[in-house]
Structure formats: C-alpha cells, structure tokens
Protein backbone atom coordinates (compact mmCIF):
# COMPACT_ATOMS: atom_id res chain seq x y z
CA MET A 1 10.89 -21.70 5.32
CA ALA A 2 9.97 -25.12 5.84
CA GLU A 3 13.30 -26.20 4.13
CA HIS A 4 15.24 -24.66 7.11
CA PHE A 5 12.65 -24.91 10.01
CA SER A 6 10.12 -27.51 10.98
CA LEU A 7 6.51 -26.46 10.56
CA ASP A 8 6.38 -25.92 14.62
CA SER A 9 9.37 -23.72 14.73
CA TRP A 10 9.31 -20.25 16.16
CA ALA A 11 10.99 -17.85 13.62
CA VAL A 12 10.05 -14.18 12.90
CA ARG A 13 11.00 -11.36 10.56
CA VAL A 14 11.65 -8.19 12.35
CA TYR A 15 10.91 -4.74 10.48
CA CYS A 16 12.09 -1.44 11.93
CA PRO A 17 11.46 1.48 9.75
CA GLU A 18 13.42 4.45 10.60
CA ARG A 19 11.69 7.14 12.83
CA ALA A 20 8.37 4.89 13.16
CA GLY A 21 8.81 4.54 16.92
CA TRP A 22 7.82 0.93 16.54
CA ALA A 23 9.47 -2.20 15.64
CA TYR A 24 7.26 -4.96 13.76
CA VAL A 25 7.46 -8.74 14.38
CA PHE A 26 5.95 -10.86 11.54
CA ASP A 27 5.61 -14.61 12.01
CA ALA A 28 7.55 -16.30 9.47
CA LEU A 29 5.69 -19.49 10.05
CA PRO A 30 2.24 -17.75 11.10
CA GLN A 31 0.52 -21.15 12.02
CA VAL A 32 2.70 -20.96 15.25
CA GLY A 33 1.49 -17.63 16.32
CA VAL A 34 4.72 -16.77 18.11
CA ALA A 35 3.89 -13.01 18.37
CA PHE A 36 0.60 -13.64 19.98
CA ARG A 37 1.71 -15.89 22.64
CA GLU A 38 1.49 -14.60 26.34
CA PRO A 39 5.29 -15.16 27.28
CA VAL A 40 6.40 -13.62 23.88
CA LEU A 41 4.04 -10.44 24.31
CA LYS A 42 5.12 -10.08 27.83
CA GLU A 43 8.74 -10.01 26.96
CA LEU A 44 8.36 -7.86 23.93
CA SER A 45 6.31 -5.22 26.03
CA ARG A 46 8.96 -4.91 28.87
CA GLY A 47 9.66 -1.03 29.11
CA THR A 48 7.42 -0.47 26.39
CA GLU A 49 4.20 -1.51 24.57
CA ALA A 50 3.12 -4.42 22.21
CA VAL A 51 0.38 -4.96 20.08
CA SER A 52 -0.35 -8.25 18.14
CA VAL A 53 -2.98 -9.36 15.52
CA TRP A 54 -2.80 -12.83 14.58
CA GLN A 55 -5.13 -15.09 12.69
CA LEU A 56 -4.41 -19.11 12.19
CA ILE A 57 -5.69 -19.89 8.53
CA ALA A 58 -9.42 -19.46 8.49
CA GLY A 59 -9.76 -19.28 12.31
CA PRO A 60 -11.03 -16.33 14.35
CA VAL A 61 -8.72 -13.19 14.41
CA ARG A 62 -7.17 -12.39 17.65
CA VAL A 63 -5.84 -9.22 19.23
CA ALA A 64 -3.59 -8.66 22.14
CA HIS A 65 -2.31 -5.33 23.89
CA ALA A 66 0.54 -5.40 26.44
CA ARG A 67 2.37 -2.71 28.31
CA ASP A 68 5.56 -3.15 30.46
CA GLY A 69 5.33 -7.01 30.73
CA GLU A 70 1.73 -7.23 31.42
CA ILE A 71 -1.11 -8.26 29.18
CA LEU A 72 -3.68 -5.62 29.29
CA ALA A 73 -6.36 -6.69 27.02
CA LEU A 74 -7.10 -9.82 24.97
CA PHE A 75 -9.71 -10.33 21.92
CA ASP A 76 -10.80 -13.45 20.18
CA TRP A 77 -13.27 -12.89 17.55
CA GLY A 78 -14.30 -16.45 17.99
CA ARG A 79 -16.13 -15.85 21.09
CA PHE A 80 -17.97 -12.81 19.78
CA ASP A 81 -17.49 -10.89 22.84
CA PRO A 82 -15.52 -7.64 23.43
CA ALA A 83 -11.85 -7.74 24.76
CA SER A 84 -11.16 -8.91 28.23
CA GLY A 85 -8.30 -8.00 30.65
CA LYS A 86 -7.15 -5.36 32.95
CA GLU A 87 -7.58 -2.58 30.47
CA PRO A 88 -9.63 -3.57 27.59
CA ASP A 89 -11.26 -0.20 26.98
CA ARG A 90 -8.78 1.33 24.51
CA LEU A 91 -8.68 -1.83 22.52
CA ASN A 92 -12.56 -2.39 22.50
CA ARG A 93 -13.00 1.32 21.15
CA ALA A 94 -10.63 0.67 18.42
CA LEU A 95 -12.28 -2.52 17.37
CA GLU A 96 -15.72 -0.98 17.73
CA ARG A 97 -14.71 1.89 15.45
CA VAL A 98 -13.83 -0.40 12.53
CA GLY A 99 -17.05 -2.54 12.64
CA PHE A 100 -16.66 -5.22 15.43
CA PHE A 101 -19.52 -5.92 17.89
CA LEU A 102 -22.25 -5.12 15.09
CA ASP A 103 -25.32 -7.15 15.35
CA GLU A 104 -25.08 -7.36 11.45
CA PRO A 105 -21.61 -6.73 9.97
CA ASP A 106 -21.35 -5.60 6.42
CA ASP A 107 -21.20 -8.45 3.89
CA ASP A 108 -17.62 -7.50 2.92
CA PHE A 109 -16.54 -7.18 6.55
CA SER A 110 -13.07 -8.65 6.97
CA SER A 111 -12.02 -9.33 10.34
CA PRO A 112 -8.35 -9.66 9.96
CA ALA A 113 -8.20 -6.32 7.73
CA ALA A 114 -10.50 -4.52 10.39
CA ALA A 115 -8.32 -5.74 13.37
CA LEU A 116 -5.02 -4.45 11.64
CA GLY A 117 -7.07 -1.07 10.65
CA ALA A 118 -8.06 -0.73 14.38
CA VAL A 119 -4.51 -1.22 15.86
CA GLU A 120 -2.96 0.91 13.05
CA SER A 121 -5.11 3.84 13.70
CA GLU A 122 -5.30 3.39 17.63
CA PHE A 123 -1.66 3.02 18.11
CA GLY A 124 -0.08 5.01 15.38
CA LEU A 125 1.29 1.95 13.41
CA ALA A 126 1.96 2.09 9.85
CA VAL A 127 3.62 -0.71 7.66
CA ASP A 128 4.72 0.36 4.25
CA PRO A 129 2.96 -2.22 1.91
CA ARG A 130 6.21 -2.30 -0.10
CA GLU A 131 8.10 -4.01 2.70
CA VAL A 132 5.72 -6.76 3.17
CA ALA A 133 5.01 -7.24 -0.61
CA GLY A 134 8.22 -8.90 -1.74
CA PRO A 135 9.65 -12.14 -0.54
CA LEU A 136 10.84 -12.78 3.10
CA PRO A 137 14.49 -11.55 3.98
CA THR A 138 16.99 -14.18 3.87
CA VAL A 139 17.75 -13.85 7.68
CA VAL A 140 15.25 -15.21 10.16
CA VAL A 141 15.76 -14.96 13.70
CA PRO A 142 14.80 -17.98 15.50
CA VAL A 143 12.73 -17.05 18.89
CA ARG A 144 12.90 -18.79 22.07
CA VAL A 145 11.35 -17.53 25.28
CA ASP A 146 11.96 -19.45 28.58
C-alpha cells in the first residue's frame, strides 16, 4: 500500500457478501482510521446504519454507531466509560455482554476481539474469515469526504 499511497492516505477495501444485508469497509491503511471519522460515518449511514470498530496499533479500541447521517453512540475504551451520544444504550448493552465495564476483566480479555464480537452479535454482522485471511485485493478505492 505504501508504494501506491502515502501513509496518511484514505484508502479502503469494500467487501459486500451476497445476501448479507451489510457492506463492510476495511481501512487499507488502518492507522488513518478513515471508517471511524465522523464525516465518513455520517455519509456511510445516510438512509441506513453504520457501525465502526477501530484501534490504532496498541491504542484503545473505539466503536461508533450511526444511523441516517447521525452519530448515535461513540465508545472509547481508553476513557473507561460507557458509550456516549444520543442513543448509547444498544451499543453499551452489546459491549457489556462481551465483558466491557467489568471491574476486573479476565486476563485473556482482548478489547478489539470483544468489540468486534459485540457488534457482530448485536447488529447481525458476519465476515467470512476466508475473505480477510488472504492478501488485499488489487483494487483500492481512494476515499474523500468534503
């Protein structure tokens, strides 16, 4: 990727499995966090719903939920607080079910894996592991939101 784009480029991989009801956007350069940026979430959720899970290298995991161009809930595990926003209850329930907000989480607790598990179960998401196990596709869509 670095050969074709600078390290601060916005580039994503789009995955649309048949009959899934969801399109998946993966950051090709995840340090940018393009799918977590508020303008992108608002645009992706126009007329539908968007959920984003993002973690920068070893930083805290972050989760967002948006619907019809509006951010409903934002969660930042680095703050150790539940999600905030206009409608955080659904996201907070999902995060709590997988082990967030406990005084003493298990030693093997992985916040990125738990966050993905929470949104997969709550929103009915499912990514076939075979689709993300191999190399990235040769086509990358540059993304810009004005």
